[in-house]
Amino acid sequence: MTGSRPVLGPERAAVAEACRRLGAEGLLIGTAGNVSVRVEDRVAITATGAVLAELTDDQVTVVDLDGNIVSGTLEPTSELDLHLGVYHRYGTGAVVHTHAPMATALSCVLDELPCIHYQLLTLGGSVRVAPYATFGTPELAESVLTALEGRSAALMASHGALTHAPALAKAVEHALLLEWACGVYQHAAALGTPRVLDEHQQLAVIEAAIARNYGTTHPVPPVQEGNR
C-alpha cells in the first residue's frame, strides 16, 4: 500500500454499520453473509468468520479489484470473487449478500421470483434464481453474475440472496425490499396462486413513477396571496 492510497476509513465504518443494521433486521445470521463497498479501485469488504450483527470497523478489510489486500489484518470473506465479479461486470458501487430467511426459503423451491408487486420493478422486475454451486467457487460467481443481468438482485439456489447498487445504502434497501417481497410471495402462495404483473402493467408503473417522481418527497407549493 502506498502512502497516497486511502484505507477507506469511512467506507469501512459504513460497511460495519450496514452489517449491524441487516443483522438487527434478521437478514444476516451469525457469520453467514457479506457486504462490500467500492471506491474507484478499492473495495472495503467484510472479513471471513466475523459475526456480522456485531461487526466492527477493524473487521472490514480493504482489497484492490484483483483481490490483493491493501489494508486490514483479517482475511476477506470467502465470497470475495463473487463481489469482485459484480464490480468488474456491472461497475456498481456496493454489494450485499445475505442468507435472509424468506429469500433463502424461496431460493430452495423457485426458479424465479415473479413480479407480483410493482416495487419489485426497483430491482428490475422478476428476480432470477441462480443455479446452485458450492460457496466461494468461480462456478457460483458466474452463476450469480448471469442471473443479475439487467437486475439489481438475484436469489442463489439453496443459499441466499445478493443485491447491488451504486451506493451502499441503496444496496441495503434492495436487500430489505427483496426479503419483504419474498415474504409477500410466501404468504400469497399459501392462500392461492399469486397474480403476476404483466408487461403492460409493469410499463404503466414505470411511466407513473417517472411522471410523479415516485420515491421522493415533494414540498407543497407556497400559497399565492390571491388564492387565500
Protein backbone atom coordinates (compact mmCIF):
# COMPACT_ATOMS: atom_id res chain seq x y z
CA MET A 1 0.00 0.00 0.00
CA THR A 2 1.35 3.40 -0.94
CA GLY A 3 1.10 6.38 1.35
CA SER A 4 -1.15 8.19 -1.13
CA ARG A 5 -3.77 5.44 -1.04
CA PRO A 6 -6.62 5.91 1.47
CA VAL A 7 -7.57 2.99 3.70
CA LEU A 8 -11.26 3.79 3.22
CA GLY A 9 -11.89 4.51 6.90
CA PRO A 10 -15.38 5.99 6.39
CA GLU A 11 -16.32 3.19 4.00
CA ARG A 12 -15.16 0.51 6.44
CA ALA A 13 -17.31 2.13 9.11
CA ALA A 14 -20.26 2.24 6.71
CA VAL A 15 -19.88 -1.47 5.88
CA ALA A 16 -19.81 -2.35 9.59
CA GLU A 17 -22.87 -0.21 10.24
CA ALA A 18 -24.75 -1.78 7.32
CA CYS A 19 -23.97 -5.25 8.66
CA ARG A 20 -25.23 -4.35 12.12
CA ARG A 21 -28.45 -3.00 10.63
CA LEU A 22 -29.01 -6.05 8.44
CA GLY A 23 -28.28 -8.25 11.44
CA ALA A 24 -30.85 -6.37 13.51
CA GLU A 25 -33.36 -6.86 10.68
CA GLY A 26 -32.69 -10.61 10.68
CA LEU A 27 -31.11 -10.75 7.23
CA LEU A 28 -27.59 -11.62 8.40
CA ILE A 29 -27.31 -14.59 10.74
CA GLY A 30 -24.08 -15.29 12.63
CA THR A 31 -21.15 -15.25 10.22
CA ALA A 32 -23.29 -16.03 7.15
CA GLY A 33 -23.31 -13.28 4.54
CA ASN A 34 -21.02 -10.49 3.41
CA VAL A 35 -21.13 -6.81 2.47
CA SER A 36 -18.81 -4.59 0.47
CA VAL A 37 -18.50 -1.09 -0.97
CA ARG A 38 -16.23 0.09 -3.79
CA VAL A 39 -14.42 3.39 -4.15
CA GLU A 40 -12.64 3.55 -7.52
CA ASP A 41 -10.18 0.60 -7.47
CA ARG A 42 -10.51 -0.22 -3.78
CA VAL A 43 -13.13 -2.38 -2.05
CA ALA A 44 -13.96 -2.44 1.67
CA ILE A 45 -15.37 -5.90 2.43
CA THR A 46 -16.31 -7.94 5.48
CA ALA A 47 -13.79 -10.38 6.91
CA THR A 48 -14.40 -14.10 6.87
CA GLY A 49 -15.69 -15.60 10.11
CA ALA A 50 -16.83 -12.29 11.62
CA VAL A 51 -20.16 -12.10 13.48
CA LEU A 52 -21.89 -9.65 11.21
CA ALA A 53 -24.53 -8.30 13.58
CA GLU A 54 -21.69 -7.17 15.86
CA LEU A 55 -19.21 -6.15 13.16
CA THR A 56 -16.61 -3.50 13.95
CA ASP A 57 -14.63 -1.31 11.57
CA ASP A 58 -11.44 -3.34 12.06
CA GLN A 59 -13.29 -6.45 10.84
CA VAL A 60 -13.59 -4.87 7.40
CA THR A 61 -10.67 -5.45 5.03
CA VAL A 62 -9.68 -3.32 2.04
CA VAL A 63 -8.66 -5.06 -1.18
CA ASP A 64 -7.97 -3.94 -4.73
CA LEU A 65 -10.04 -5.12 -7.69
CA ASP A 66 -7.70 -8.09 -8.15
CA GLY A 67 -8.34 -9.22 -4.57
CA ASN A 68 -4.99 -8.19 -3.11
CA ILE A 69 -5.19 -6.97 0.49
CA VAL A 70 -4.48 -3.25 0.74
CA SER A 71 -5.38 -2.62 4.37
CA GLY A 72 -6.59 -4.68 7.32
CA THR A 73 -5.42 -7.61 9.41
CA LEU A 74 -8.13 -10.17 8.58
CA GLU A 75 -8.73 -12.35 5.54
CA PRO A 76 -11.69 -11.16 3.46
CA THR A 77 -14.86 -13.19 3.00
CA SER A 78 -14.74 -16.44 1.06
CA GLU A 79 -17.17 -14.83 -1.41
CA LEU A 80 -14.60 -12.18 -2.38
CA ASP A 81 -14.53 -13.33 -6.01
CA LEU A 82 -18.31 -13.01 -6.21
CA HIS A 83 -18.19 -9.39 -5.03
CA LEU A 84 -15.28 -8.53 -7.32
CA GLY A 85 -17.10 -10.18 -10.22
CA VAL A 86 -20.11 -7.93 -9.69
CA TYR A 87 -17.87 -4.86 -9.63
CA HIS A 88 -16.00 -5.89 -12.77
CA ARG A 89 -19.07 -6.81 -14.81
CA TYR A 90 -21.58 -4.21 -13.67
CA GLY A 91 -19.43 -1.34 -12.39
CA THR A 92 -21.64 -1.00 -9.33
CA GLY A 93 -20.74 0.65 -6.02
CA ALA A 94 -21.86 -1.79 -3.31
CA VAL A 95 -22.83 -5.45 -2.89
CA VAL A 96 -24.90 -7.11 -0.15
CA HIS A 97 -25.08 -10.90 0.17
CA THR A 98 -27.40 -12.34 2.81
CA HIS A 99 -28.82 -15.65 3.95
CA ALA A 100 -32.13 -13.93 4.74
CA PRO A 101 -34.78 -16.48 5.80
CA MET A 102 -37.54 -15.75 3.26
CA ALA A 103 -35.16 -15.22 0.36
CA THR A 104 -33.30 -18.42 1.19
CA ALA A 105 -36.54 -20.38 1.54
CA LEU A 106 -37.78 -19.30 -1.88
CA SER A 107 -34.36 -19.99 -3.41
CA CYS A 108 -34.89 -23.63 -2.43
CA VAL A 109 -38.11 -24.03 -4.44
CA LEU A 110 -38.36 -21.39 -7.20
CA ASP A 111 -36.54 -20.81 -10.47
CA GLU A 112 -37.65 -17.17 -10.43
CA LEU A 113 -39.46 -14.82 -8.07
CA PRO A 114 -42.12 -13.33 -10.37
CA CYS A 115 -43.07 -9.67 -10.39
CA ILE A 116 -46.03 -9.94 -8.00
CA HIS A 117 -45.74 -6.36 -6.72
CA TYR A 118 -44.76 -3.18 -8.53
CA GLN A 119 -41.99 -2.41 -6.04
CA LEU A 120 -40.03 -5.32 -7.49
CA LEU A 121 -39.50 -3.10 -10.53
CA THR A 122 -37.00 -1.23 -8.35
CA LEU A 123 -34.87 -4.37 -8.65
CA GLY A 124 -35.52 -4.70 -12.38
CA GLY A 125 -38.64 -6.87 -12.20
CA SER A 126 -38.75 -10.59 -11.62
CA VAL A 127 -35.77 -11.93 -9.66
CA ARG A 128 -33.92 -14.87 -11.16
CA VAL A 129 -32.61 -17.77 -9.08
CA ALA A 130 -29.00 -18.61 -9.91
CA PRO A 131 -28.40 -22.38 -10.14
CA TYR A 132 -26.72 -23.95 -7.12
CA ALA A 133 -22.94 -24.12 -6.84
CA THR A 134 -20.64 -24.51 -3.84
CA PHE A 135 -19.99 -21.29 -1.94
CA GLY A 136 -16.80 -19.42 -2.73
CA THR A 137 -16.33 -21.07 -6.13
CA PRO A 138 -15.93 -19.49 -9.59
CA GLU A 139 -18.95 -21.52 -10.67
CA LEU A 140 -21.14 -19.79 -8.09
CA ALA A 141 -19.82 -16.36 -9.02
CA GLU A 142 -20.51 -16.91 -12.72
CA SER A 143 -23.97 -18.31 -11.99
CA VAL A 144 -24.94 -15.27 -9.94
CA LEU A 145 -23.43 -12.77 -12.39
CA THR A 146 -25.54 -14.26 -15.17
CA ALA A 147 -28.70 -14.10 -13.04
CA LEU A 148 -28.01 -10.41 -12.32
CA GLU A 149 -28.12 -9.38 -15.97
CA GLY A 150 -30.47 -6.38 -16.12
CA ARG A 151 -31.30 -6.75 -12.42
CA SER A 152 -30.19 -5.33 -9.08
CA ALA A 153 -30.91 -8.58 -7.25
CA ALA A 154 -30.67 -12.33 -7.61
CA LEU A 155 -31.56 -15.30 -5.47
CA MET A 156 -28.98 -18.05 -5.08
CA ALA A 157 -30.42 -21.57 -5.13
CA SER A 158 -30.39 -23.22 -1.69
CA HIS A 159 -28.09 -20.46 -0.47
CA GLY A 160 -29.40 -16.90 -0.14
CA ALA A 161 -29.64 -13.60 -1.99
CA LEU A 162 -27.48 -10.85 -3.46
CA THR A 163 -28.24 -7.22 -4.23
CA HIS A 164 -26.13 -4.41 -5.62
CA ALA A 165 -26.46 -0.67 -6.20
CA PRO A 166 -24.38 2.44 -6.90
CA ALA A 167 -24.33 3.24 -3.15
CA LEU A 168 -24.23 1.05 -0.05
CA ALA A 169 -27.42 2.50 1.46
CA LYS A 170 -29.34 1.61 -1.71
CA ALA A 171 -27.91 -1.92 -1.82
CA VAL A 172 -29.11 -2.40 1.77
CA GLU A 173 -32.54 -1.06 0.81
CA HIS A 174 -32.62 -3.53 -2.08
CA ALA A 175 -31.82 -6.41 0.30
CA LEU A 176 -34.63 -5.37 2.65
CA LEU A 177 -37.06 -4.96 -0.25
CA LEU A 178 -36.17 -8.36 -1.67
CA GLU A 179 -36.73 -10.06 1.69
CA TRP A 180 -40.10 -8.27 2.04
CA ALA A 181 -41.15 -9.34 -1.47
CA CYS A 182 -40.15 -12.94 -0.75
CA GLY A 183 -42.31 -12.85 2.37
CA VAL A 184 -45.25 -11.44 0.40
CA TYR A 185 -44.87 -14.20 -2.18
CA GLN A 186 -44.73 -16.88 0.50
CA HIS A 187 -47.89 -15.60 2.20
CA ALA A 188 -49.73 -15.20 -1.11
CA ALA A 189 -48.74 -18.68 -2.30
CA ALA A 190 -50.12 -20.16 0.94
CA LEU A 191 -53.51 -18.65 0.05
CA GLY A 192 -53.56 -19.45 -3.67
CA THR A 193 -51.72 -18.75 -6.90
CA PRO A 194 -50.08 -15.31 -6.74
CA ARG A 195 -51.05 -12.91 -9.53
CA VAL A 196 -48.15 -11.61 -11.60
CA LEU A 197 -47.98 -8.14 -13.17
CA ASP A 198 -47.93 -8.45 -16.95
CA GLU A 199 -45.71 -6.42 -19.26
CA HIS A 200 -48.36 -3.72 -19.83
CA GLN A 201 -48.96 -3.31 -16.11
CA GLN A 202 -45.24 -3.07 -15.40
CA LEU A 203 -44.78 -0.43 -18.11
CA ALA A 204 -47.67 1.60 -16.68
CA VAL A 205 -45.99 1.56 -13.25
CA ILE A 206 -42.70 2.76 -14.72
CA GLU A 207 -44.44 5.59 -16.60
CA ALA A 208 -46.37 6.64 -13.48
CA ALA A 209 -43.23 6.57 -11.33
CA ILE A 210 -41.36 8.77 -13.79
CA ALA A 211 -44.26 11.22 -14.14
CA ARG A 212 -44.70 11.53 -10.37
CA ASN A 213 -41.02 11.35 -9.40
CA TYR A 214 -42.05 8.42 -7.20
CA GLY A 215 -39.99 7.72 -4.09
CA THR A 216 -39.06 11.32 -3.30
CA THR A 217 -40.71 13.93 -1.11
CA HIS A 218 -42.48 16.89 -2.72
CA PRO A 219 -42.88 20.22 -0.94
CA VAL A 220 -46.30 21.83 -1.02
CA PRO A 221 -46.22 24.89 -3.33
CA PRO A 222 -46.49 28.19 -1.48
CA VAL A 223 -49.97 29.67 -1.35
CA GLN A 224 -50.30 32.76 -3.53
CA GLU A 225 -51.82 35.88 -1.95
CA GLY A 226 -54.67 35.97 -4.44
CA ASN A 227 -55.60 32.33 -3.70
CA ARG A 228 -56.05 32.76 0.06
